[in-house]
Amino acid sequence: MIHEMKLLEDPFEQIKSGAKTVEIRLFDEKRKVLRVGDIIEFSKLPNLHEKIKVKVLELLQCESFKSLTKNFDIKSFGYKQDFSIEKFLESIYKIYSKDEEKRYGVLGIKLEILK
């Protein structure tokens, strides 16, 4: 199955370059249908003209963003090795609220770029 998702420019470019191998999302209704082996087509915001396709290699559902960091190296999220968990959480809560995190849980999507 092919899924469509949008990404801001920075994470889009990180996935495209191979620096980011795990995409983080809420485990909402749209993400509950994802399966290992599915294809995700990411469109780069704001104009959505540039696209990349990735294959889903692994799905890891967790109750919180912090618990997700126990399963993946911070570099896999596109951050430098010295980026702290606290800074990571601060940046993720600018995108998602703690209420959303509690309501849906979170999902780590391990990706492989399709050429």
PDB file of N, CA and C in Angstrom:
ATOM      1  N   MET A   1       0.842  -1.178   0.000  1.00  0.00           N
ATOM      2  CA  MET A   1       0.000   0.000   0.000  1.00  0.00           C
ATOM      3  C   MET A   1       0.891   1.246   0.000  1.00  0.00           C
ATOM      4  N   ILE A   2       0.444   2.276  -0.667  1.00  0.00           N
ATOM      5  CA  ILE A   2       1.171   3.549  -0.721  1.00  0.00           C
ATOM      6  C   ILE A   2       0.424   4.581   0.122  1.00  0.00           C
ATOM      7  N   HIS A   3       1.177   5.270   0.989  1.00  0.00           N
ATOM      8  CA  HIS A   3       0.632   6.299   1.870  1.00  0.00           C
ATOM      9  C   HIS A   3       1.275   7.633   1.509  1.00  0.00           C
ATOM     10  N   GLU A   4       0.531   8.707   1.636  1.00  0.00           N
ATOM     11  CA  GLU A   4       1.055  10.053   1.369  1.00  0.00           C
ATOM     12  C   GLU A   4       1.160  10.818   2.673  1.00  0.00           C
ATOM     13  N   MET A   5       2.314  11.465   2.872  1.00  0.00           N
ATOM     14  CA  MET A   5       2.535  12.294   4.058  1.00  0.00           C
ATOM     15  C   MET A   5       3.323  13.531   3.654  1.00  0.00           C
ATOM     16  N   LYS A   6       3.193  14.570   4.449  1.00  0.00           N
ATOM     17  CA  LYS A   6       3.910  15.824   4.213  1.00  0.00           C
ATOM     18  C   LYS A   6       5.030  15.970   5.231  1.00  0.00           C
ATOM     19  N   LEU A   7       6.102  16.634   4.804  1.00  0.00           N
ATOM     20  CA  LEU A   7       7.244  16.893   5.682  1.00  0.00           C
ATOM     21  C   LEU A   7       7.750  18.305   5.479  1.00  0.00           C
ATOM     22  N   LEU A   8       8.195  18.922   6.570  1.00  0.00           N
ATOM     23  CA  LEU A   8       8.884  20.202   6.460  1.00  0.00           C
ATOM     24  C   LEU A   8      10.192  19.997   5.706  1.00  0.00           C
ATOM     25  N   GLU A   9      10.756  21.070   5.200  1.00  0.00           N
ATOM     26  CA  GLU A   9      11.942  20.994   4.349  1.00  0.00           C
ATOM     27  C   GLU A   9      13.123  20.280   5.012  1.00  0.00           C
ATOM     28  N   ASP A  10      13.443  20.634   6.247  1.00  0.00           N
ATOM     29  CA  ASP A  10      14.625  20.061   6.897  1.00  0.00           C
ATOM     30  C   ASP A  10      14.528  18.536   7.054  1.00  0.00           C
ATOM     31  N   PRO A  11      13.456  18.006   7.661  1.00  0.00           N
ATOM     32  CA  PRO A  11      13.384  16.546   7.764  1.00  0.00           C
ATOM     33  C   PRO A  11      13.282  15.857   6.398  1.00  0.00           C
ATOM     34  N   PHE A  12      12.642  16.509   5.444  1.00  0.00           N
ATOM     35  CA  PHE A  12      12.567  15.961   4.086  1.00  0.00           C
ATOM     36  C   PHE A  12      13.972  15.774   3.514  1.00  0.00           C
ATOM     37  N   GLU A  13      14.788  16.816   3.626  1.00  0.00           N
ATOM     38  CA  GLU A  13      16.154  16.756   3.090  1.00  0.00           C
ATOM     39  C   GLU A  13      17.011  15.738   3.854  1.00  0.00           C
ATOM     40  N   GLN A  14      16.783  15.613   5.157  1.00  0.00           N
ATOM     41  CA  GLN A  14      17.530  14.634   5.948  1.00  0.00           C
ATOM     42  C   GLN A  14      17.196  13.204   5.530  1.00  0.00           C
ATOM     43  N   ILE A  15      15.932  12.932   5.273  1.00  0.00           N
ATOM     44  CA  ILE A  15      15.544  11.604   4.782  1.00  0.00           C
ATOM     45  C   ILE A  15      16.133  11.385   3.400  1.00  0.00           C
ATOM     46  N   LYS A  16      16.026  12.382   2.553  1.00  0.00           N
ATOM     47  CA  LYS A  16      16.539  12.285   1.186  1.00  0.00           C
ATOM     48  C   LYS A  16      18.040  11.989   1.169  1.00  0.00           C
ATOM     49  N   SER A  17      18.787  12.589   2.088  1.00  0.00           N
ATOM     50  CA  SER A  17      20.243  12.396   2.137  1.00  0.00           C
ATOM     51  C   SER A  17      20.641  11.095   2.853  1.00  0.00           C
ATOM     52  N   GLY A  18      19.699  10.480   3.548  1.00  0.00           N
ATOM     53  CA  GLY A  18      19.989   9.265   4.297  1.00  0.00           C
ATOM     54  C   GLY A  18      20.398   9.518   5.734  1.00  0.00           C
ATOM     55  N   ALA A  19      20.447  10.790   6.157  1.00  0.00           N
ATOM     56  CA  ALA A  19      20.836  11.122   7.532  1.00  0.00           C
ATOM     57  C   ALA A  19      19.742  10.775   8.538  1.00  0.00           C
ATOM     58  N   LYS A  20      18.506  10.812   8.086  1.00  0.00           N
ATOM     59  CA  LYS A  20      17.372  10.495   8.962  1.00  0.00           C
ATOM     60  C   LYS A  20      16.757   9.186   8.478  1.00  0.00           C
ATOM     61  N   THR A  21      16.731   8.187   9.344  1.00  0.00           N
ATOM     62  CA  THR A  21      16.217   6.872   8.960  1.00  0.00           C
ATOM     63  C   THR A  21      14.963   6.461   9.726  1.00  0.00           C
ATOM     64  N   VAL A  22      14.537   7.308  10.665  1.00  0.00           N
ATOM     65  CA  VAL A  22      13.320   7.046  11.423  1.00  0.00           C
ATOM     66  C   VAL A  22      12.462   8.311  11.429  1.00  0.00           C
ATOM     67  N   GLU A  23      11.244   8.187  10.954  1.00  0.00           N
ATOM     68  CA  GLU A  23      10.282   9.282  11.011  1.00  0.00           C
ATOM     69  C   GLU A  23       9.401   9.057  12.235  1.00  0.00           C
ATOM     70  N   ILE A  24       9.086  10.136  12.938  1.00  0.00           N
ATOM     71  CA  ILE A  24       8.307  10.076  14.169  1.00  0.00           C
ATOM     72  C   ILE A  24       6.943  10.703  13.914  1.00  0.00           C
ATOM     73  N   ARG A  25       5.907   9.973  14.258  1.00  0.00           N
ATOM     74  CA  ARG A  25       4.542  10.471  14.105  1.00  0.00           C
ATOM     75  C   ARG A  25       3.702  10.047  15.302  1.00  0.00           C
ATOM     76  N   LEU A  26       2.553  10.684  15.446  1.00  0.00           N
ATOM     77  CA  LEU A  26       1.574  10.203  16.406  1.00  0.00           C
ATOM     78  C   LEU A  26       1.005   8.892  15.866  1.00  0.00           C
ATOM     79  N   PHE A  27       0.589   8.010  16.737  1.00  0.00           N
ATOM     80  CA  PHE A  27      -0.030   6.755  16.316  1.00  0.00           C
ATOM     81  C   PHE A  27      -1.542   6.983  16.195  1.00  0.00           C
ATOM     82  N   ASP A  28      -1.884   7.902  15.291  1.00  0.00           N
ATOM     83  CA  ASP A  28      -3.283   8.272  15.066  1.00  0.00           C
ATOM     84  C   ASP A  28      -3.911   7.332  14.036  1.00  0.00           C
ATOM     85  N   GLU A  29      -5.140   7.613  13.664  1.00  0.00           N
ATOM     86  CA  GLU A  29      -5.874   6.740  12.736  1.00  0.00           C
ATOM     87  C   GLU A  29      -5.135   6.555  11.411  1.00  0.00           C
ATOM     88  N   LYS A  30      -4.523   7.596  10.898  1.00  0.00           N
ATOM     89  CA  LYS A  30      -3.809   7.515   9.621  1.00  0.00           C
ATOM     90  C   LYS A  30      -2.596   6.585   9.719  1.00  0.00           C
ATOM     91  N   ARG A  31      -1.907   6.584  10.853  1.00  0.00           N
ATOM     92  CA  ARG A  31      -0.712   5.762  11.016  1.00  0.00           C
ATOM     93  C   ARG A  31      -1.042   4.321  11.423  1.00  0.00           C
ATOM     94  N   LYS A  32      -2.234   4.079  11.950  1.00  0.00           N
ATOM     95  CA  LYS A  32      -2.611   2.726  12.373  1.00  0.00           C
ATOM     96  C   LYS A  32      -2.722   1.758  11.197  1.00  0.00           C
ATOM     97  N   VAL A  33      -2.850   2.268   9.990  1.00  0.00           N
ATOM     98  CA  VAL A  33      -2.966   1.389   8.817  1.00  0.00           C
ATOM     99  C   VAL A  33      -1.605   1.067   8.190  1.00  0.00           C
ATOM    100  N   LEU A  34      -0.532   1.701   8.670  1.00  0.00           N
ATOM    101  CA  LEU A  34       0.804   1.422   8.140  1.00  0.00           C
ATOM    102  C   LEU A  34       1.229  -0.004   8.466  1.00  0.00           C
ATOM    103  N   ARG A  35       1.904  -0.634   7.508  1.00  0.00           N
ATOM    104  CA  ARG A  35       2.441  -1.980   7.692  1.00  0.00           C
ATOM    105  C   ARG A  35       3.875  -2.029   7.176  1.00  0.00           C
ATOM    106  N   VAL A  36       4.672  -2.909   7.749  1.00  0.00           N
ATOM    107  CA  VAL A  36       6.030  -3.137   7.243  1.00  0.00           C
ATOM    108  C   VAL A  36       5.902  -3.552   5.779  1.00  0.00           C
ATOM    109  N   GLY A  37       6.748  -2.951   4.936  1.00  0.00           N
ATOM    110  CA  GLY A  37       6.713  -3.224   3.501  1.00  0.00           C
ATOM    111  C   GLY A  37       5.922  -2.198   2.707  1.00  0.00           C
ATOM    112  N   ASP A  38       5.093  -1.393   3.382  1.00  0.00           N
ATOM    113  CA  ASP A  38       4.342  -0.337   2.696  1.00  0.00           C
ATOM    114  C   ASP A  38       5.297   0.731   2.186  1.00  0.00           C
ATOM    115  N   ILE A  39       4.804   1.543   1.268  1.00  0.00           N
ATOM    116  CA  ILE A  39       5.542   2.673   0.704  1.00  0.00           C
ATOM    117  C   ILE A  39       4.916   3.967   1.214  1.00  0.00           C
ATOM    118  N   ILE A  40       5.777   4.905   1.603  1.00  0.00           N
ATOM    119  CA  ILE A  40       5.316   6.244   1.967  1.00  0.00           C
ATOM    120  C   ILE A  40       5.901   7.215   0.957  1.00  0.00           C
ATOM    121  N   GLU A  41       5.049   8.054   0.388  1.00  0.00           N
ATOM    122  CA  GLU A  41       5.511   9.131  -0.489  1.00  0.00           C
ATOM    123  C   GLU A  41       5.434  10.425   0.313  1.00  0.00           C
ATOM    124  N   PHE A  42       6.603  10.979   0.622  1.00  0.00           N
ATOM    125  CA  PHE A  42       6.671  12.242   1.344  1.00  0.00           C
ATOM    126  C   PHE A  42       6.707  13.391   0.350  1.00  0.00           C
ATOM    127  N   SER A  43       5.899  14.414   0.596  1.00  0.00           N
ATOM    128  CA  SER A  43       5.908  15.641  -0.191  1.00  0.00           C
ATOM    129  C   SER A  43       6.493  16.750   0.661  1.00  0.00           C
ATOM    130  N   LYS A  44       7.413  17.510   0.086  1.00  0.00           N
ATOM    131  CA  LYS A  44       8.108  18.575   0.826  1.00  0.00           C
ATOM    132  C   LYS A  44       7.248  19.838   0.887  1.00  0.00           C
ATOM    133  N   LEU A  45       7.020  20.286   2.119  1.00  0.00           N
ATOM    134  CA  LEU A  45       6.313  21.550   2.341  1.00  0.00           C
ATOM    135  C   LEU A  45       7.229  22.719   2.004  1.00  0.00           C
ATOM    136  N   PRO A  46       6.790  23.860   1.553  1.00  0.00           N
ATOM    137  CA  PRO A  46       5.390  24.256   1.532  1.00  0.00           C
ATOM    138  C   PRO A  46       4.661  23.958   0.217  1.00  0.00           C
ATOM    139  N   ASN A  47       5.382  23.805  -0.894  1.00  0.00           N
ATOM    140  CA  ASN A  47       4.677  23.714  -2.178  1.00  0.00           C
ATOM    141  C   ASN A  47       4.319  22.295  -2.605  1.00  0.00           C
ATOM    142  N   LEU A  48       4.879  21.275  -1.940  1.00  0.00           N
ATOM    143  CA  LEU A  48       4.545  19.862  -2.153  1.00  0.00           C
ATOM    144  C   LEU A  48       4.941  19.316  -3.527  1.00  0.00           C
ATOM    145  N   HIS A  49       5.778  20.046  -4.270  1.00  0.00           N
ATOM    146  CA  HIS A  49       6.166  19.589  -5.603  1.00  0.00           C
ATOM    147  C   HIS A  49       7.250  18.519  -5.556  1.00  0.00           C
ATOM    148  N   GLU A  50       8.175  18.623  -4.615  1.00  0.00           N
ATOM    149  CA  GLU A  50       9.245  17.633  -4.531  1.00  0.00           C
ATOM    150  C   GLU A  50       8.778  16.471  -3.669  1.00  0.00           C
ATOM    151  N   LYS A  51       9.036  15.248  -4.144  1.00  0.00           N
ATOM    152  CA  LYS A  51       8.573  14.051  -3.452  1.00  0.00           C
ATOM    153  C   LYS A  51       9.686  13.010  -3.383  1.00  0.00           C
ATOM    154  N   ILE A  52       9.649  12.199  -2.326  1.00  0.00           N
ATOM    155  CA  ILE A  52      10.531  11.040  -2.231  1.00  0.00           C
ATOM    156  C   ILE A  52       9.682   9.866  -1.748  1.00  0.00           C
ATOM    157  N   LYS A  53      10.082   8.681  -2.166  1.00  0.00           N
ATOM    158  CA  LYS A  53       9.393   7.468  -1.721  1.00  0.00           C
ATOM    159  C   LYS A  53      10.335   6.654  -0.849  1.00  0.00           C
ATOM    160  N   VAL A  54       9.753   6.097   0.213  1.00  0.00           N
ATOM    161  CA  VAL A  54      10.504   5.260   1.140  1.00  0.00           C
ATOM    162  C   VAL A  54       9.707   3.987   1.400  1.00  0.00           C
ATOM    163  N   LYS A  55      10.444   2.967   1.798  1.00  0.00           N
ATOM    164  CA  LYS A  55       9.818   1.704   2.195  1.00  0.00           C
ATOM    165  C   LYS A  55       9.836   1.620   3.712  1.00  0.00           C
ATOM    166  N   VAL A  56       8.750   1.154   4.304  1.00  0.00           N
ATOM    167  CA  VAL A  56       8.666   0.975   5.751  1.00  0.00           C
ATOM    168  C   VAL A  56       9.358  -0.338   6.116  1.00  0.00           C
ATOM    169  N   LEU A  57      10.435  -0.236   6.902  1.00  0.00           N
ATOM    170  CA  LEU A  57      11.195  -1.412   7.324  1.00  0.00           C
ATOM    171  C   LEU A  57      10.761  -1.949   8.687  1.00  0.00           C
ATOM    172  N   GLU A  58      10.332  -1.035   9.553  1.00  0.00           N
ATOM    173  CA  GLU A  58       9.966  -1.410  10.912  1.00  0.00           C
ATOM    174  C   GLU A  58       9.022  -0.367  11.474  1.00  0.00           C
ATOM    175  N   LEU A  59       8.104  -0.806  12.314  1.00  0.00           N
ATOM    176  CA  LEU A  59       7.180   0.085  13.006  1.00  0.00           C
ATOM    177  C   LEU A  59       7.303  -0.183  14.496  1.00  0.00           C
ATOM    178  N   LEU A  60       7.519   0.865  15.264  1.00  0.00           N
ATOM    179  CA  LEU A  60       7.641   0.709  16.703  1.00  0.00           C
ATOM    180  C   LEU A  60       6.672   1.657  17.400  1.00  0.00           C
ATOM    181  N   GLN A  61       5.645   1.089  18.007  1.00  0.00           N
ATOM    182  CA  GLN A  61       4.657   1.871  18.726  1.00  0.00           C
ATOM    183  C   GLN A  61       5.101   2.016  20.177  1.00  0.00           C
ATOM    184  N   CYS A  62       5.047   3.252  20.674  1.00  0.00           N
ATOM    185  CA  CYS A  62       5.407   3.546  22.069  1.00  0.00           C
ATOM    186  C   CYS A  62       4.362   4.475  22.674  1.00  0.00           C
ATOM    187  N   GLU A  63       4.357   4.563  23.982  1.00  0.00           N
ATOM    188  CA  GLU A  63       3.397   5.447  24.637  1.00  0.00           C
ATOM    189  C   GLU A  63       3.853   6.894  24.673  1.00  0.00           C
ATOM    190  N   SER A  64       5.176   7.123  24.499  1.00  0.00           N
ATOM    191  CA  SER A  64       5.672   8.496  24.565  1.00  0.00           C
ATOM    192  C   SER A  64       6.873   8.677  23.647  1.00  0.00           C
ATOM    193  N   PHE A  65       7.173   9.945  23.357  1.00  0.00           N
ATOM    194  CA  PHE A  65       8.350  10.255  22.554  1.00  0.00           C
ATOM    195  C   PHE A  65       9.621   9.859  23.301  1.00  0.00           C
ATOM    196  N   LYS A  66       9.619  10.060  24.611  1.00  0.00           N
ATOM    197  CA  LYS A  66      10.794   9.708  25.399  1.00  0.00           C
ATOM    198  C   LYS A  66      11.057   8.204  25.335  1.00  0.00           C
ATOM    199  N   SER A  67      10.011   7.398  25.452  1.00  0.00           N
ATOM    200  CA  SER A  67      10.208   5.944  25.396  1.00  0.00           C
ATOM    201  C   SER A  67      10.684   5.504  24.012  1.00  0.00           C
ATOM    202  N   LEU A  68      10.312   6.235  22.980  1.00  0.00           N
ATOM    203  CA  LEU A  68      10.774   5.920  21.631  1.00  0.00           C
ATOM    204  C   LEU A  68      12.285   6.078  21.511  1.00  0.00           C
ATOM    205  N   THR A  69      12.839   7.049  22.247  1.00  0.00           N
ATOM    206  CA  THR A  69      14.290   7.286  22.174  1.00  0.00           C
ATOM    207  C   THR A  69      15.097   6.151  22.798  1.00  0.00           C
ATOM    208  N   LYS A  70      14.467   5.308  23.569  1.00  0.00           N
ATOM    209  CA  LYS A  70      15.165   4.160  24.159  1.00  0.00           C
ATOM    210  C   LYS A  70      15.375   3.045  23.136  1.00  0.00           C
ATOM    211  N   ASN A  71      14.667   3.129  22.016  1.00  0.00           N
ATOM    212  CA  ASN A  71      14.715   2.083  21.008  1.00  0.00           C
ATOM    213  C   ASN A  71      15.504   2.455  19.754  1.00  0.00           C
ATOM    214  N   PHE A  72      15.776   3.744  19.578  1.00  0.00           N
ATOM    215  CA  PHE A  72      16.509   4.213  18.407  1.00  0.00           C
ATOM    216  C   PHE A  72      17.587   5.194  18.834  1.00  0.00           C
ATOM    217  N   ASP A  73      18.701   5.193  18.144  1.00  0.00           N
ATOM    218  CA  ASP A  73      19.767   6.170  18.341  1.00  0.00           C
ATOM    219  C   ASP A  73      19.242   7.539  17.911  1.00  0.00           C
ATOM    220  N   ILE A  74      19.580   8.581  18.637  1.00  0.00           N
ATOM    221  CA  ILE A  74      19.110   9.943  18.335  1.00  0.00           C
ATOM    222  C   ILE A  74      19.492  10.364  16.915  1.00  0.00           C
ATOM    223  N   LYS A  75      20.604   9.831  16.396  1.00  0.00           N
ATOM    224  CA  LYS A  75      21.022  10.157  15.022  1.00  0.00           C
ATOM    225  C   LYS A  75      20.015   9.652  13.995  1.00  0.00           C
ATOM    226  N   SER A  76      19.322   8.557  14.294  1.00  0.00           N
ATOM    227  CA  SER A  76      18.353   8.016  13.333  1.00  0.00           C
ATOM    228  C   SER A  76      17.166   8.950  13.131  1.00  0.00           C
ATOM    229  N   PHE A  77      16.937   9.869  14.086  1.00  0.00           N
ATOM    230  CA  PHE A  77      15.873  10.865  13.961  1.00  0.00           C
ATOM    231  C   PHE A  77      16.335  12.099  13.187  1.00  0.00           C
ATOM    232  N   GLY A  78      17.600  12.111  12.773  1.00  0.00           N
ATOM    233  CA  GLY A  78      18.133  13.238  12.031  1.00  0.00           C
ATOM    234  C   GLY A  78      18.855  14.260  12.893  1.00  0.00           C
ATOM    235  N   TYR A  79      19.108  13.932  14.168  1.00  0.00           N
ATOM    236  CA  TYR A  79      19.800  14.839  15.069  1.00  0.00           C
ATOM    237  C   TYR A  79      21.251  14.403  15.229  1.00  0.00           C
ATOM    238  N   LYS A  80      22.106  15.348  15.579  1.00  0.00           N
ATOM    239  CA  LYS A  80      23.509  15.029  15.831  1.00  0.00           C
ATOM    240  C   LYS A  80      23.628  14.202  17.103  1.00  0.00           C
ATOM    241  N   GLN A  81      24.677  13.419  17.189  1.00  0.00           N
ATOM    242  CA  GLN A  81      24.880  12.506  18.308  1.00  0.00           C
ATOM    243  C   GLN A  81      24.860  13.217  19.659  1.00  0.00           C
ATOM    244  N   ASP A  82      25.358  14.468  19.713  1.00  0.00           N
ATOM    245  CA  ASP A  82      25.408  15.186  20.986  1.00  0.00           C
ATOM    246  C   ASP A  82      24.095  15.913  21.321  1.00  0.00           C
ATOM    247  N   PHE A  83      23.073  15.725  20.498  1.00  0.00           N
ATOM    248  CA  PHE A  83      21.766  16.328  20.743  1.00  0.00           C
ATOM    249  C   PHE A  83      21.128  15.596  21.916  1.00  0.00           C
ATOM    250  N   SER A  84      20.758  16.316  22.946  1.00  0.00           N
ATOM    251  CA  SER A  84      20.234  15.677  24.156  1.00  0.00           C
ATOM    252  C   SER A  84      18.773  15.252  23.975  1.00  0.00           C
ATOM    253  N   ILE A  85      18.373  14.306  24.798  1.00  0.00           N
ATOM    254  CA  ILE A  85      16.978  13.862  24.810  1.00  0.00           C
ATOM    255  C   ILE A  85      16.066  15.026  25.180  1.00  0.00           C
ATOM    256  N   GLU A  86      16.513  15.872  26.084  1.00  0.00           N
ATOM    257  CA  GLU A  86      15.714  17.034  26.499  1.00  0.00           C
ATOM    258  C   GLU A  86      15.483  17.982  25.325  1.00  0.00           C
ATOM    259  N   LYS A  87      16.531  18.243  24.537  1.00  0.00           N
ATOM    260  CA  LYS A  87      16.388  19.112  23.360  1.00  0.00           C
ATOM    261  C   LYS A  87      15.484  18.454  22.321  1.00  0.00           C
ATOM    262  N   PHE A  88      15.622  17.132  22.157  1.00  0.00           N
ATOM    263  CA  PHE A  88      14.765  16.400  21.243  1.00  0.00           C
ATOM    264  C   PHE A  88      13.300  16.561  21.648  1.00  0.00           C
ATOM    265  N   LEU A  89      13.004  16.346  22.924  1.00  0.00           N
ATOM    266  CA  LEU A  89      11.624  16.455  23.396  1.00  0.00           C
ATOM    267  C   LEU A  89      11.100  17.881  23.244  1.00  0.00           C
ATOM    268  N   GLU A  90      11.950  18.861  23.528  1.00  0.00           N
ATOM    269  CA  GLU A  90      11.562  20.264  23.358  1.00  0.00           C
ATOM    270  C   GLU A  90      11.182  20.532  21.900  1.00  0.00           C
ATOM    271  N   SER A  91      11.958  20.001  20.966  1.00  0.00           N
ATOM    272  CA  SER A  91      11.669  20.237  19.549  1.00  0.00           C
ATOM    273  C   SER A  91      10.416  19.487  19.092  1.00  0.00           C
ATOM    274  N   ILE A  92      10.191  18.284  19.586  1.00  0.00           N
ATOM    275  CA  ILE A  92       9.033  17.496  19.147  1.00  0.00           C
ATOM    276  C   ILE A  92       7.739  18.074  19.702  1.00  0.00           C
ATOM    277  N   TYR A  93       7.811  18.671  20.921  1.00  0.00           N
ATOM    278  CA  TYR A  93       6.605  19.275  21.502  1.00  0.00           C
ATOM    279  C   TYR A  93       6.248  20.609  20.852  1.00  0.00           C
ATOM    280  N   LYS A  94       7.076  21.094  19.961  1.00  0.00           N
ATOM    281  CA  LYS A  94       6.706  22.258  19.144  1.00  0.00           C
ATOM    282  C   LYS A  94       5.801  21.813  17.994  1.00  0.00           C
ATOM    283  N   ILE A  95       5.847  20.523  17.678  1.00  0.00           N
ATOM    284  CA  ILE A  95       5.044  19.965  16.585  1.00  0.00           C
ATOM    285  C   ILE A  95       3.785  19.289  17.132  1.00  0.00           C
ATOM    286  N   TYR A  96       3.979  18.460  18.146  1.00  0.00           N
ATOM    287  CA  TYR A  96       2.875  17.704  18.745  1.00  0.00           C
ATOM    288  C   TYR A  96       2.714  18.107  20.203  1.00  0.00           C
ATOM    289  N   SER A  97       1.473  18.129  20.669  1.00  0.00           N
ATOM    290  CA  SER A  97       1.233  18.473  22.069  1.00  0.00           C
ATOM    291  C   SER A  97       1.349  17.225  22.959  1.00  0.00           C
ATOM    292  N   LYS A  98       1.555  17.469  24.235  1.00  0.00           N
ATOM    293  CA  LYS A  98       1.600  16.361  25.194  1.00  0.00           C
ATOM    294  C   LYS A  98       0.243  15.673  25.286  1.00  0.00           C
ATOM    295  N   ASP A  99      -0.828  16.432  25.086  1.00  0.00           N
ATOM    296  CA  ASP A  99      -2.163  15.835  25.084  1.00  0.00           C
ATOM    297  C   ASP A  99      -2.329  14.878  23.905  1.00  0.00           C
ATOM    298  N   GLU A 100      -1.824  15.273  22.727  1.00  0.00           N
ATOM    299  CA  GLU A 100      -1.884  14.383  21.556  1.00  0.00           C
ATOM    300  C   GLU A 100      -1.053  13.125  21.804  1.00  0.00           C
ATOM    301  N   GLU A 101       0.122  13.321  22.372  1.00  0.00           N
ATOM    302  CA  GLU A 101       1.002  12.191  22.695  1.00  0.00           C
ATOM    303  C   GLU A 101       0.276  11.195  23.616  1.00  0.00           C
ATOM    304  N   LYS A 102      -0.362  11.713  24.631  1.00  0.00           N
ATOM    305  CA  LYS A 102      -1.075  10.864  25.588  1.00  0.00           C
ATOM    306  C   LYS A 102      -2.284  10.196  24.939  1.00  0.00           C
ATOM    307  N   ARG A 103      -2.984  10.921  24.095  1.00  0.00           N
ATOM    308  CA  ARG A 103      -4.207  10.396  23.455  1.00  0.00           C
ATOM    309  C   ARG A 103      -3.904   9.283  22.456  1.00  0.00           C
ATOM    310  N   TYR A 104      -2.885   9.492  21.613  1.00  0.00           N
ATOM    311  CA  TYR A 104      -2.622   8.557  20.511  1.00  0.00           C
ATOM    312  C   TYR A 104      -1.442   7.610  20.747  1.00  0.00           C
ATOM    313  N   GLY A 105      -0.470   8.015  21.537  1.00  0.00           N
ATOM    314  CA  GLY A 105       0.796   7.310  21.572  1.00  0.00           C
ATOM    315  C   GLY A 105       1.620   7.756  20.375  1.00  0.00           C
ATOM    316  N   VAL A 106       2.791   7.183  20.204  1.00  0.00           N
ATOM    317  CA  VAL A 106       3.677   7.610  19.119  1.00  0.00           C
ATOM    318  C   VAL A 106       4.156   6.401  18.323  1.00  0.00           C
ATOM    319  N   LEU A 107       4.668   6.692  17.144  1.00  0.00           N
ATOM    320  CA  LEU A 107       5.127   5.647  16.250  1.00  0.00           C
ATOM    321  C   LEU A 107       6.465   6.040  15.646  1.00  0.00           C
ATOM    322  N   GLY A 108       7.419   5.142  15.738  1.00  0.00           N
ATOM    323  CA  GLY A 108       8.692   5.299  15.048  1.00  0.00           C
ATOM    324  C   GLY A 108       8.614   4.479  13.765  1.00  0.00           C
ATOM    325  N   ILE A 109       8.866   5.113  12.635  1.00  0.00           N
ATOM    326  CA  ILE A 109       8.781   4.447  11.339  1.00  0.00           C
ATOM    327  C   ILE A 109      10.184   4.367  10.764  1.00  0.00           C
ATOM    328  N   LYS A 110      10.800   3.190  10.792  1.00  0.00           N
ATOM    329  CA  LYS A 110      12.130   2.997  10.230  1.00  0.00           C
ATOM    330  C   LYS A 110      11.994   2.906   8.713  1.00  0.00           C
ATOM    331  N   LEU A 111      12.798   3.710   8.002  1.00  0.00           N
ATOM    332  CA  LEU A 111      12.633   3.908   6.564  1.00  0.00           C
ATOM    333  C   LEU A 111      13.842   3.487   5.752  1.00  0.00           C
ATOM    334  N   GLU A 112      13.584   3.174   4.495  1.00  0.00           N
ATOM    335  CA  GLU A 112      14.632   2.946   3.509  1.00  0.00           C
ATOM    336  C   GLU A 112      14.229   3.710   2.250  1.00  0.00           C
ATOM    337  N   ILE A 113      15.101   4.561   1.760  1.00  0.00           N
ATOM    338  CA  ILE A 113      14.806   5.354   0.559  1.00  0.00           C
ATOM    339  C   ILE A 113      14.741   4.440  -0.649  1.00  0.00           C
ATOM    340  N   LEU A 114      13.745   4.668  -1.484  1.00  0.00           N
ATOM    341  CA  LEU A 114      13.632   3.942  -2.740  1.00  0.00           C
ATOM    342  C   LEU A 114      14.259   4.790  -3.847  1.00  0.00           C
ATOM    343  N   LYS A 115      15.108   4.195  -4.625  1.00  0.00           N
ATOM    344  CA  LYS A 115      15.768   4.930  -5.717  1.00  0.00           C
ATOM    345  C   LYS A 115      14.899   4.962  -6.947  1.00  0.00           C
TER     346      LYS A 115
END
